[in-house]
Amino acid sequence: MKKVILILSATLLVACNSSKDKKNSLENSAIEMATENSNKKINDTVPYEGTVMLLGESNRQGLLMEPFKEWYNLGYSHYRTAPEVANELKPLLEDVSISVFMGTWCEDSQRDVPHLYKILDDTGFDESNLTLVNVNDEKTTPQGLEDGKDIINVPTIIFYKDGVELGRIVEYPIETVEKDMLKILSGKNYKHAYAE
């Protein structure tokens, strides 16, 4: 009986230490991530209506965090880029940079930003040329990242070449995200939903 108790005690001790080590490892990883994020001011979350929202500069990894990843993954996996449009977009996206202003609280952003990422992946776009900024419901950030950008609705997807704005999609595409992109990048006449 003493042997059984000794074996059980040893097993519990090892299991508890293993669990404690795992917990410490996870906590250290979370601290490192938080430290890294606070230094870069990227993927910061703030409370919003009983949950959280991203606020300020972020990236795809931020959209893959809870509670955003559910709608991001769903929108990304279900979207099918028109192959013929993707082929036309590939050369037009060279030397283009894109700024996206969105709100994780906004249904239009939840719909179109995953679609944009899918299109960019399907065209081989260099994601380092994409800037993703999350705004609050007043379309602002603490850092003023929206200043001078005329952000009236989100998502706003702005396309630049050599620092010059080529055009933008505001709140929703006129046709589809990739067809609107094609019009903007090929220099065709394109007016976003709020253009005068």
N, C-alpha and C. Protein backbone atom coordinates (compact mmCIF):
# COMPACT_ATOMS: atom_id res chain seq x y z
N MET A 1 0.82 -1.20 0.00
CA MET A 1 0.00 0.00 0.00
C MET A 1 0.86 1.26 0.00
N LYS A 2 1.96 1.22 0.79
CA LYS A 2 2.86 2.36 0.83
C LYS A 2 3.45 2.63 -0.55
N LYS A 3 3.76 1.55 -1.31
CA LYS A 3 4.33 1.70 -2.63
C LYS A 3 3.33 2.38 -3.58
N VAL A 4 2.07 1.98 -3.48
CA VAL A 4 1.03 2.57 -4.32
C VAL A 4 0.89 4.07 -4.03
N ILE A 5 0.86 4.41 -2.74
CA ILE A 5 0.74 5.82 -2.35
C ILE A 5 1.96 6.59 -2.82
N LEU A 6 3.15 6.00 -2.67
CA LEU A 6 4.37 6.64 -3.10
C LEU A 6 4.37 6.88 -4.61
N ILE A 7 3.93 5.87 -5.37
CA ILE A 7 3.87 5.99 -6.84
C ILE A 7 2.86 7.07 -7.24
N LEU A 8 1.69 7.07 -6.61
CA LEU A 8 0.68 8.10 -6.92
C LEU A 8 1.19 9.50 -6.58
N SER A 9 1.85 9.62 -5.45
CA SER A 9 2.39 10.92 -5.04
C SER A 9 3.42 11.41 -6.04
N ALA A 10 4.31 10.51 -6.45
CA ALA A 10 5.34 10.87 -7.42
C ALA A 10 4.72 11.28 -8.75
N THR A 11 3.70 10.54 -9.19
CA THR A 11 3.03 10.84 -10.45
C THR A 11 2.37 12.20 -10.40
N LEU A 12 1.67 12.50 -9.30
CA LEU A 12 1.02 13.80 -9.15
C LEU A 12 2.03 14.93 -9.12
N LEU A 13 3.15 14.70 -8.43
CA LEU A 13 4.18 15.72 -8.34
C LEU A 13 4.76 16.03 -9.72
N VAL A 14 5.05 15.00 -10.49
CA VAL A 14 5.58 15.18 -11.84
C VAL A 14 4.55 15.86 -12.72
N ALA A 15 3.30 15.42 -12.64
CA ALA A 15 2.24 16.01 -13.46
C ALA A 15 2.04 17.48 -13.12
N CYS A 16 2.04 17.80 -11.82
CA CYS A 16 1.86 19.19 -11.41
C CYS A 16 3.02 20.05 -11.86
N ASN A 17 4.23 19.54 -11.71
CA ASN A 17 5.40 20.31 -12.15
C ASN A 17 5.38 20.49 -13.66
N SER A 18 4.99 19.44 -14.39
CA SER A 18 4.92 19.53 -15.84
C SER A 18 3.90 20.57 -16.25
N SER A 19 2.75 20.55 -15.58
CA SER A 19 1.70 21.53 -15.87
C SER A 19 2.17 22.93 -15.51
N LYS A 20 2.86 23.04 -14.36
CA LYS A 20 3.37 24.34 -13.92
C LYS A 20 4.40 24.86 -14.91
N ASP A 21 5.31 23.98 -15.38
CA ASP A 21 6.31 24.39 -16.35
C ASP A 21 5.66 24.86 -17.64
N LYS A 22 4.62 24.11 -18.08
CA LYS A 22 3.92 24.48 -19.31
C LYS A 22 3.25 25.84 -19.14
N LYS A 23 2.60 26.03 -17.96
CA LYS A 23 1.94 27.29 -17.68
C LYS A 23 2.95 28.44 -17.67
N ASN A 24 4.10 28.22 -17.01
CA ASN A 24 5.14 29.25 -16.98
C ASN A 24 5.64 29.57 -18.38
N SER A 25 5.80 28.53 -19.20
CA SER A 25 6.26 28.72 -20.56
C SER A 25 5.26 29.55 -21.36
N LEU A 26 3.96 29.24 -21.20
CA LEU A 26 2.93 30.00 -21.90
C LEU A 26 2.89 31.45 -21.42
N GLU A 27 3.01 31.63 -20.09
CA GLU A 27 2.99 32.98 -19.54
C GLU A 27 4.18 33.78 -20.06
N ASN A 28 5.37 33.15 -20.08
CA ASN A 28 6.56 33.83 -20.59
C ASN A 28 6.39 34.21 -22.05
N SER A 29 5.80 33.29 -22.84
CA SER A 29 5.56 33.59 -24.26
C SER A 29 4.61 34.77 -24.40
N ALA A 30 3.56 34.79 -23.59
CA ALA A 30 2.59 35.88 -23.64
C ALA A 30 3.25 37.19 -23.24
N ILE A 31 4.11 37.15 -22.21
CA ILE A 31 4.80 38.37 -21.78
C ILE A 31 5.73 38.86 -22.89
N GLU A 32 6.47 37.92 -23.53
CA GLU A 32 7.35 38.31 -24.62
C GLU A 32 6.57 38.92 -25.77
N MET A 33 5.40 38.32 -26.09
CA MET A 33 4.58 38.83 -27.19
C MET A 33 4.06 40.22 -26.82
N ALA A 34 3.59 40.38 -25.58
CA ALA A 34 3.06 41.67 -25.16
C ALA A 34 4.17 42.73 -25.17
N THR A 35 5.37 42.35 -24.72
CA THR A 35 6.49 43.28 -24.73
C THR A 35 6.84 43.66 -26.16
N GLU A 36 6.89 42.68 -27.03
CA GLU A 36 7.20 42.94 -28.44
C GLU A 36 6.13 43.84 -29.05
N ASN A 37 4.85 43.53 -28.78
CA ASN A 37 3.76 44.32 -29.33
C ASN A 37 3.76 45.74 -28.77
N SER A 38 4.07 45.89 -27.47
CA SER A 38 4.04 47.24 -26.90
C SER A 38 5.18 48.08 -27.45
N ASN A 39 6.33 47.46 -27.75
CA ASN A 39 7.43 48.20 -28.34
C ASN A 39 7.09 48.66 -29.74
N LYS A 40 6.43 47.81 -30.51
CA LYS A 40 6.10 48.12 -31.90
C LYS A 40 4.75 48.81 -32.03
N LYS A 41 3.97 48.78 -30.98
CA LYS A 41 2.60 49.31 -31.05
C LYS A 41 1.84 48.65 -32.19
N ILE A 42 1.87 47.34 -32.21
CA ILE A 42 1.17 46.61 -33.27
C ILE A 42 0.26 45.57 -32.62
N ASN A 43 -0.91 45.39 -33.21
CA ASN A 43 -1.90 44.43 -32.74
C ASN A 43 -2.36 44.69 -31.30
N ASP A 44 -2.42 45.97 -30.92
CA ASP A 44 -2.91 46.33 -29.60
C ASP A 44 -4.44 46.21 -29.57
N THR A 45 -4.95 45.66 -28.48
CA THR A 45 -6.39 45.57 -28.31
C THR A 45 -6.83 46.47 -27.17
N VAL A 46 -8.06 46.96 -27.29
CA VAL A 46 -8.67 47.76 -26.24
C VAL A 46 -10.09 47.26 -26.04
N PRO A 47 -10.66 47.47 -24.85
CA PRO A 47 -12.03 47.03 -24.61
C PRO A 47 -13.01 47.72 -25.55
N TYR A 48 -14.03 46.95 -25.96
CA TYR A 48 -15.07 47.51 -26.83
C TYR A 48 -16.35 46.70 -26.68
N GLU A 49 -17.39 47.33 -26.14
CA GLU A 49 -18.73 46.73 -26.02
C GLU A 49 -18.71 45.29 -25.53
N GLY A 50 -18.08 45.05 -24.41
CA GLY A 50 -18.07 43.71 -23.81
C GLY A 50 -17.06 42.75 -24.41
N THR A 51 -16.29 43.20 -25.37
CA THR A 51 -15.25 42.38 -25.98
C THR A 51 -14.03 43.28 -26.19
N VAL A 52 -13.27 43.06 -27.24
CA VAL A 52 -12.12 43.92 -27.54
C VAL A 52 -12.12 44.24 -29.02
N MET A 53 -11.37 45.28 -29.37
CA MET A 53 -11.12 45.61 -30.77
C MET A 53 -9.64 45.90 -30.93
N LEU A 54 -9.13 45.67 -32.13
CA LEU A 54 -7.78 46.10 -32.44
C LEU A 54 -7.81 47.60 -32.65
N LEU A 55 -6.74 48.29 -32.24
CA LEU A 55 -6.68 49.73 -32.41
C LEU A 55 -5.25 50.14 -32.72
N GLY A 56 -5.07 50.82 -33.85
CA GLY A 56 -3.75 51.24 -34.29
C GLY A 56 -3.23 50.31 -35.37
N GLU A 57 -1.92 50.34 -35.57
CA GLU A 57 -1.33 49.51 -36.61
C GLU A 57 -1.42 48.03 -36.22
N SER A 58 -1.74 47.21 -37.20
CA SER A 58 -1.83 45.78 -36.96
C SER A 58 -1.39 45.05 -38.21
N ASN A 59 -1.56 43.74 -38.19
CA ASN A 59 -1.22 42.92 -39.35
C ASN A 59 -2.12 41.68 -39.34
N ARG A 60 -1.85 40.78 -40.25
CA ARG A 60 -2.68 39.59 -40.35
C ARG A 60 -2.67 38.79 -39.05
N GLN A 61 -1.53 38.73 -38.36
CA GLN A 61 -1.47 37.99 -37.11
C GLN A 61 -2.45 38.54 -36.08
N GLY A 62 -2.67 39.84 -36.11
CA GLY A 62 -3.65 40.43 -35.22
C GLY A 62 -5.06 39.96 -35.54
N LEU A 63 -5.35 39.82 -36.82
CA LEU A 63 -6.68 39.35 -37.23
C LEU A 63 -6.87 37.87 -36.92
N LEU A 64 -5.77 37.16 -36.68
CA LEU A 64 -5.86 35.74 -36.35
C LEU A 64 -5.93 35.51 -34.84
N MET A 65 -6.01 36.58 -34.06
CA MET A 65 -6.18 36.46 -32.61
C MET A 65 -7.67 36.36 -32.29
N GLU A 66 -7.96 35.85 -31.09
CA GLU A 66 -9.33 35.88 -30.59
C GLU A 66 -9.69 37.32 -30.29
N PRO A 67 -10.87 37.78 -30.51
CA PRO A 67 -12.04 37.10 -31.05
C PRO A 67 -12.22 37.31 -32.55
N PHE A 68 -11.17 37.81 -33.23
CA PHE A 68 -11.29 38.19 -34.64
C PHE A 68 -11.14 37.03 -35.59
N LYS A 69 -10.41 36.00 -35.18
CA LYS A 69 -10.05 34.94 -36.12
C LYS A 69 -11.25 34.17 -36.67
N GLU A 70 -12.34 34.13 -35.94
CA GLU A 70 -13.51 33.39 -36.45
C GLU A 70 -14.04 34.01 -37.73
N TRP A 71 -14.29 35.32 -37.71
CA TRP A 71 -14.81 35.95 -38.94
C TRP A 71 -13.73 36.09 -40.00
N TYR A 72 -12.48 36.29 -39.58
CA TYR A 72 -11.40 36.38 -40.57
C TYR A 72 -11.24 35.06 -41.32
N ASN A 73 -11.11 33.97 -40.60
CA ASN A 73 -10.92 32.66 -41.24
C ASN A 73 -12.11 32.27 -42.11
N LEU A 74 -13.30 32.56 -41.65
CA LEU A 74 -14.50 32.23 -42.42
C LEU A 74 -14.52 33.03 -43.73
N GLY A 75 -14.30 34.33 -43.65
CA GLY A 75 -14.30 35.17 -44.85
C GLY A 75 -13.18 34.81 -45.81
N TYR A 76 -12.01 34.51 -45.28
CA TYR A 76 -10.86 34.16 -46.11
C TYR A 76 -11.08 32.82 -46.82
N SER A 77 -11.51 31.81 -46.07
CA SER A 77 -11.62 30.46 -46.64
C SER A 77 -12.77 30.32 -47.63
N HIS A 78 -13.82 31.12 -47.47
CA HIS A 78 -14.98 31.00 -48.36
C HIS A 78 -14.89 31.88 -49.61
N TYR A 79 -13.92 32.80 -49.63
CA TYR A 79 -13.84 33.71 -50.78
C TYR A 79 -13.09 33.05 -51.92
N ARG A 80 -13.60 33.21 -53.12
CA ARG A 80 -12.96 32.68 -54.33
C ARG A 80 -12.63 33.86 -55.24
N THR A 81 -11.34 34.13 -55.39
CA THR A 81 -10.90 35.18 -56.29
C THR A 81 -11.15 34.74 -57.72
N ALA A 82 -11.67 35.63 -58.54
CA ALA A 82 -11.86 35.32 -59.96
C ALA A 82 -10.47 35.14 -60.58
N PRO A 83 -10.15 33.93 -61.08
CA PRO A 83 -8.79 33.65 -61.57
C PRO A 83 -8.33 34.58 -62.69
N GLU A 84 -9.23 34.91 -63.61
CA GLU A 84 -8.84 35.77 -64.73
C GLU A 84 -8.51 37.18 -64.24
N VAL A 85 -9.22 37.65 -63.22
CA VAL A 85 -8.94 38.97 -62.67
C VAL A 85 -7.63 38.94 -61.88
N ALA A 86 -7.41 37.86 -61.13
CA ALA A 86 -6.16 37.72 -60.37
C ALA A 86 -4.96 37.75 -61.32
N ASN A 87 -5.06 37.09 -62.45
CA ASN A 87 -3.96 37.08 -63.43
C ASN A 87 -3.69 38.48 -63.98
N GLU A 88 -4.75 39.25 -64.20
CA GLU A 88 -4.57 40.62 -64.68
C GLU A 88 -3.99 41.53 -63.60
N LEU A 89 -4.34 41.24 -62.35
CA LEU A 89 -3.87 42.07 -61.24
C LEU A 89 -2.39 41.87 -60.93
N LYS A 90 -1.88 40.66 -61.12
CA LYS A 90 -0.49 40.35 -60.72
C LYS A 90 0.52 41.39 -61.20
N PRO A 91 0.61 41.67 -62.49
CA PRO A 91 1.62 42.66 -62.91
C PRO A 91 1.28 44.08 -62.46
N LEU A 92 0.01 44.38 -62.30
CA LEU A 92 -0.40 45.73 -61.91
C LEU A 92 -0.07 46.03 -60.44
N LEU A 93 0.06 44.97 -59.63
CA LEU A 93 0.35 45.16 -58.21
C LEU A 93 1.84 45.37 -57.92
N GLU A 94 2.68 45.18 -58.95
CA GLU A 94 4.11 45.41 -58.74
C GLU A 94 4.34 46.88 -58.42
N ASP A 95 5.18 47.13 -57.45
CA ASP A 95 5.52 48.50 -57.03
C ASP A 95 4.32 49.28 -56.49
N VAL A 96 3.29 48.58 -56.07
CA VAL A 96 2.12 49.22 -55.46
C VAL A 96 2.16 48.96 -53.96
N SER A 97 1.80 49.99 -53.20
CA SER A 97 1.62 49.80 -51.76
C SER A 97 0.15 50.04 -51.45
N ILE A 98 -0.31 49.39 -50.40
CA ILE A 98 -1.73 49.45 -50.04
C ILE A 98 -1.84 49.81 -48.56
N SER A 99 -2.71 50.76 -48.27
CA SER A 99 -3.05 51.09 -46.88
C SER A 99 -4.52 50.73 -46.67
N VAL A 100 -4.78 49.98 -45.62
CA VAL A 100 -6.14 49.57 -45.30
C VAL A 100 -6.50 50.15 -43.94
N PHE A 101 -7.58 50.91 -43.91
CA PHE A 101 -8.14 51.41 -42.66
C PHE A 101 -9.43 50.64 -42.41
N MET A 102 -9.50 49.99 -41.28
CA MET A 102 -10.64 49.12 -40.99
C MET A 102 -10.99 49.22 -39.51
N GLY A 103 -12.10 48.59 -39.16
CA GLY A 103 -12.47 48.45 -37.76
C GLY A 103 -12.86 47.00 -37.52
N THR A 104 -12.29 46.38 -36.51
CA THR A 104 -12.66 44.99 -36.22
C THR A 104 -14.11 44.91 -35.74
N TRP A 105 -14.69 46.03 -35.38
CA TRP A 105 -16.08 46.13 -34.94
C TRP A 105 -17.04 46.29 -36.12
N CYS A 106 -16.52 46.51 -37.31
CA CYS A 106 -17.31 46.89 -38.48
C CYS A 106 -17.60 45.67 -39.37
N GLU A 107 -18.86 45.42 -39.66
CA GLU A 107 -19.25 44.27 -40.48
C GLU A 107 -18.69 44.35 -41.90
N ASP A 108 -18.63 45.54 -42.47
CA ASP A 108 -18.07 45.68 -43.82
C ASP A 108 -16.59 45.31 -43.82
N SER A 109 -15.87 45.74 -42.78
CA SER A 109 -14.45 45.38 -42.66
C SER A 109 -14.30 43.88 -42.46
N GLN A 110 -15.17 43.31 -41.63
CA GLN A 110 -15.12 41.86 -41.38
C GLN A 110 -15.37 41.07 -42.66
N ARG A 111 -16.15 41.63 -43.56
CA ARG A 111 -16.43 40.97 -44.83
C ARG A 111 -15.28 41.16 -45.83
N ASP A 112 -14.87 42.41 -46.06
CA ASP A 112 -13.99 42.70 -47.18
C ASP A 112 -12.49 42.55 -46.90
N VAL A 113 -12.05 42.73 -45.67
CA VAL A 113 -10.62 42.62 -45.39
C VAL A 113 -10.12 41.18 -45.57
N PRO A 114 -10.85 40.16 -45.09
CA PRO A 114 -10.41 38.79 -45.40
C PRO A 114 -10.40 38.51 -46.91
N HIS A 115 -11.37 39.07 -47.63
CA HIS A 115 -11.39 38.92 -49.08
C HIS A 115 -10.15 39.55 -49.71
N LEU A 116 -9.79 40.74 -49.24
CA LEU A 116 -8.60 41.42 -49.75
C LEU A 116 -7.35 40.56 -49.53
N TYR A 117 -7.21 40.02 -48.32
CA TYR A 117 -6.05 39.17 -48.04
C TYR A 117 -6.02 37.95 -48.97
N LYS A 118 -7.17 37.37 -49.24
CA LYS A 118 -7.23 36.21 -50.14
C LYS A 118 -6.78 36.61 -51.54
N ILE A 119 -7.27 37.74 -52.03
CA ILE A 119 -6.89 38.24 -53.35
C ILE A 119 -5.38 38.49 -53.41
N LEU A 120 -4.86 39.14 -52.39
CA LEU A 120 -3.43 39.44 -52.37
C LEU A 120 -2.59 38.16 -52.33
N ASP A 121 -3.04 37.17 -51.58
CA ASP A 121 -2.34 35.88 -51.56
C ASP A 121 -2.41 35.21 -52.92
N ASP A 122 -3.58 35.27 -53.55
CA ASP A 122 -3.76 34.64 -54.87
C ASP A 122 -2.96 35.33 -55.97
N THR A 123 -2.57 36.57 -55.75
CA THR A 123 -1.78 37.30 -56.75
C THR A 123 -0.30 37.34 -56.40
N GLY A 124 0.08 36.78 -55.27
CA GLY A 124 1.48 36.77 -54.86
C GLY A 124 1.98 38.14 -54.39
N PHE A 125 1.09 38.97 -53.91
CA PHE A 125 1.45 40.31 -53.44
C PHE A 125 2.38 40.23 -52.24
N ASP A 126 3.39 41.08 -52.20
CA ASP A 126 4.33 41.14 -51.10
C ASP A 126 3.67 41.87 -49.93
N GLU A 127 3.33 41.12 -48.90
CA GLU A 127 2.57 41.67 -47.78
C GLU A 127 3.32 42.78 -47.04
N SER A 128 4.63 42.88 -47.23
CA SER A 128 5.36 43.97 -46.58
C SER A 128 4.98 45.32 -47.19
N ASN A 129 4.29 45.33 -48.31
CA ASN A 129 3.81 46.56 -48.94
C ASN A 129 2.37 46.89 -48.54
N LEU A 130 1.88 46.24 -47.49
CA LEU A 130 0.52 46.46 -46.99
C LEU A 130 0.60 47.04 -45.59
N THR A 131 -0.10 48.13 -45.37
CA THR A 131 -0.22 48.72 -44.03
C THR A 131 -1.67 48.55 -43.60
N LEU A 132 -1.86 47.95 -42.43
CA LEU A 132 -3.20 47.72 -41.89
C LEU A 132 -3.36 48.56 -40.63
N VAL A 133 -4.37 49.43 -40.64
CA VAL A 133 -4.64 50.31 -39.50
C VAL A 133 -6.06 50.07 -39.03
N ASN A 134 -6.20 49.79 -37.75
CA ASN A 134 -7.53 49.61 -37.15
C ASN A 134 -7.92 50.88 -36.42
N VAL A 135 -9.11 51.37 -36.74
CA VAL A 135 -9.62 52.60 -36.14
C VAL A 135 -10.76 52.25 -35.19
N ASN A 136 -11.09 53.20 -34.32
CA ASN A 136 -12.27 53.02 -33.46
C ASN A 136 -13.52 53.44 -34.23
N ASP A 137 -14.66 53.44 -33.57
CA ASP A 137 -15.90 53.75 -34.29
C ASP A 137 -16.03 55.23 -34.65
N GLU A 138 -15.08 56.05 -34.21
CA GLU A 138 -15.02 57.45 -34.65
C GLU A 138 -14.02 57.62 -35.79
N LYS A 139 -13.48 56.48 -36.28
CA LYS A 139 -12.51 56.42 -37.39
C LYS A 139 -11.19 57.10 -37.03
N THR A 140 -10.77 56.95 -35.76
CA THR A 140 -9.51 57.53 -35.32
C THR A 140 -8.65 56.49 -34.60
N THR A 141 -7.37 56.83 -34.46
CA THR A 141 -6.43 56.01 -33.69
C THR A 141 -5.73 56.94 -32.69
N PRO A 142 -5.24 56.40 -31.58
CA PRO A 142 -4.50 57.24 -30.62
C PRO A 142 -3.25 57.88 -31.25
N GLN A 143 -2.66 57.22 -32.24
CA GLN A 143 -1.45 57.72 -32.87
C GLN A 143 -1.73 58.70 -34.01
N GLY A 144 -3.00 58.87 -34.39
CA GLY A 144 -3.34 59.77 -35.48
C GLY A 144 -2.95 59.22 -36.84
N LEU A 145 -2.93 57.89 -36.98
CA LEU A 145 -2.51 57.26 -38.23
C LEU A 145 -3.46 57.59 -39.40
N GLU A 146 -4.65 58.05 -39.08
CA GLU A 146 -5.63 58.39 -40.11
C GLU A 146 -5.54 59.84 -40.56
N ASP A 147 -4.72 60.64 -39.88
CA ASP A 147 -4.61 62.07 -40.19
C ASP A 147 -4.22 62.29 -41.65
N GLY A 148 -4.98 63.17 -42.31
CA GLY A 148 -4.68 63.53 -43.69
C GLY A 148 -5.11 62.49 -44.71
N LYS A 149 -5.76 61.41 -44.28
CA LYS A 149 -6.14 60.33 -45.19
C LYS A 149 -7.62 60.39 -45.60
N ASP A 150 -8.40 61.31 -45.02
CA ASP A 150 -9.81 61.48 -45.35
C ASP A 150 -10.58 60.16 -45.18
N ILE A 151 -10.46 59.56 -44.01
CA ILE A 151 -11.16 58.30 -43.72
C ILE A 151 -12.54 58.64 -43.19
N ILE A 152 -13.56 58.40 -44.03
CA ILE A 152 -14.94 58.71 -43.64
C ILE A 152 -15.73 57.45 -43.30
N ASN A 153 -15.37 56.34 -43.93
CA ASN A 153 -16.03 55.06 -43.69
C ASN A 153 -14.98 53.95 -43.80
N VAL A 154 -15.28 52.83 -43.17
CA VAL A 154 -14.36 51.69 -43.24
C VAL A 154 -15.10 50.46 -43.73
N PRO A 155 -14.36 49.59 -44.40
CA PRO A 155 -12.95 49.71 -44.68
C PRO A 155 -12.70 50.73 -45.79
N THR A 156 -11.54 51.37 -45.72
CA THR A 156 -11.04 52.19 -46.82
C THR A 156 -9.72 51.56 -47.25
N ILE A 157 -9.65 51.15 -48.50
CA ILE A 157 -8.47 50.49 -49.05
C ILE A 157 -7.88 51.45 -50.08
N ILE A 158 -6.66 51.94 -49.79
CA ILE A 158 -6.03 52.96 -50.63
C ILE A 158 -4.82 52.35 -51.34
N PHE A 159 -4.75 52.58 -52.64
CA PHE A 159 -3.67 52.05 -53.48
C PHE A 159 -2.74 53.19 -53.87
N TYR A 160 -1.42 52.97 -53.69
CA TYR A 160 -0.41 53.98 -54.00
C TYR A 160 0.64 53.40 -54.94
N LYS A 161 1.17 54.27 -55.78
CA LYS A 161 2.34 53.93 -56.58
C LYS A 161 3.26 55.15 -56.54
N ASP A 162 4.50 54.91 -56.15
CA ASP A 162 5.48 56.00 -56.00
C ASP A 162 4.95 57.11 -55.10
N GLY A 163 4.23 56.71 -54.04
CA GLY A 163 3.72 57.68 -53.08
C GLY A 163 2.50 58.44 -53.52
N VAL A 164 1.99 58.18 -54.71
CA VAL A 164 0.82 58.88 -55.24
C VAL A 164 -0.39 57.96 -55.15
N GLU A 165 -1.49 58.48 -54.61
CA GLU A 165 -2.70 57.68 -54.52
C GLU A 165 -3.28 57.44 -55.90
N LEU A 166 -3.52 56.15 -56.21
CA LEU A 166 -4.14 55.77 -57.48
C LEU A 166 -5.65 55.73 -57.38
N GLY A 167 -6.15 55.42 -56.19
CA GLY A 167 -7.59 55.32 -55.96
C GLY A 167 -7.85 54.57 -54.67
N ARG A 168 -9.14 54.49 -54.32
CA ARG A 168 -9.50 53.82 -53.07
C ARG A 168 -10.88 53.19 -53.18
N ILE A 169 -11.06 52.14 -52.42
CA ILE A 169 -12.36 51.49 -52.24
C ILE A 169 -12.83 51.93 -50.86
N VAL A 170 -14.05 52.47 -50.77
CA VAL A 170 -14.55 52.99 -49.51
C VAL A 170 -15.81 52.25 -49.09
N GLU A 171 -15.76 51.62 -47.96
CA GLU A 171 -16.81 50.88 -47.26
C GLU A 171 -17.23 49.59 -47.95
N TYR A 172 -17.45 49.62 -49.24
CA TYR A 172 -17.81 48.39 -49.96
C TYR A 172 -17.42 48.56 -51.43
N PRO A 173 -17.11 47.45 -52.10
CA PRO A 173 -16.75 47.56 -53.52
C PRO A 173 -17.99 47.83 -54.37
N ILE A 174 -17.78 48.46 -55.51
CA ILE A 174 -18.86 48.70 -56.46
C ILE A 174 -19.25 47.38 -57.12
N GLU A 175 -18.25 46.56 -57.51
CA GLU A 175 -18.51 45.22 -58.07
C GLU A 175 -18.03 44.18 -57.07
N THR A 176 -16.77 43.81 -57.17
CA THR A 176 -16.12 42.94 -56.18
C THR A 176 -14.81 43.61 -55.83
N VAL A 177 -14.18 43.19 -54.75
CA VAL A 177 -12.92 43.82 -54.35
C VAL A 177 -11.90 43.72 -55.48
N GLU A 178 -11.74 42.53 -56.08
CA GLU A 178 -10.71 42.39 -57.11
C GLU A 178 -11.06 43.12 -58.40
N LYS A 179 -12.34 43.19 -58.76
CA LYS A 179 -12.71 43.94 -59.97
C LYS A 179 -12.53 45.43 -59.77
N ASP A 180 -12.84 45.92 -58.57
CA ASP A 180 -12.61 47.34 -58.26
C ASP A 180 -11.11 47.62 -58.26
N MET A 181 -10.32 46.71 -57.69
CA MET A 181 -8.86 46.87 -57.70
C MET A 181 -8.34 46.96 -59.13
N LEU A 182 -8.85 46.09 -59.99
CA LEU A 182 -8.41 46.06 -61.38
C LEU A 182 -8.70 47.39 -62.07
N LYS A 183 -9.88 47.95 -61.84
CA LYS A 183 -10.21 49.25 -62.43
C LYS A 183 -9.26 50.33 -61.93
N ILE A 184 -9.02 50.35 -60.62
CA ILE A 184 -8.13 51.37 -60.05
C ILE A 184 -6.72 51.22 -60.59
N LEU A 185 -6.18 50.00 -60.55
CA LEU A 185 -4.78 49.78 -60.90
C LEU A 185 -4.52 49.85 -62.40
N SER A 186 -5.54 49.64 -63.22
CA SER A 186 -5.35 49.74 -64.66
C SER A 186 -5.65 51.14 -65.19
N GLY A 187 -6.02 52.05 -64.28
CA GLY A 187 -6.24 53.44 -64.67
C GLY A 187 -7.59 53.72 -65.30
N LYS A 188 -8.51 52.76 -65.19
CA LYS A 188 -9.85 52.97 -65.73
C LYS A 188 -10.64 53.91 -64.82
N ASN A 189 -11.70 54.46 -65.36
CA ASN A 189 -12.55 55.36 -64.57
C ASN A 189 -13.19 54.57 -63.44
N TYR A 190 -12.91 54.98 -62.22
CA TYR A 190 -13.47 54.30 -61.04
C TYR A 190 -13.83 55.35 -60.01
N LYS A 191 -15.03 55.25 -59.50
CA LYS A 191 -15.46 56.11 -58.40
C LYS A 191 -15.95 55.21 -57.28
N HIS A 192 -15.41 55.45 -56.08
CA HIS A 192 -15.86 54.66 -54.93
C HIS A 192 -17.27 55.10 -54.54
N ALA A 193 -17.85 54.38 -53.62
CA ALA A 193 -19.27 54.58 -53.26
C ALA A 193 -19.59 55.98 -52.76
N TYR A 194 -18.61 56.73 -52.26
CA TYR A 194 -18.88 58.04 -51.70
C TYR A 194 -18.25 59.16 -52.52
N ALA A 195 -17.74 58.84 -53.70
CA ALA A 195 -17.12 59.87 -54.54
C ALA A 195 -18.19 60.81 -55.09
N GLU A 196 -17.83 62.05 -55.22
CA GLU A 196 -18.80 63.04 -55.75
C GLU A 196 -18.70 63.11 -57.25
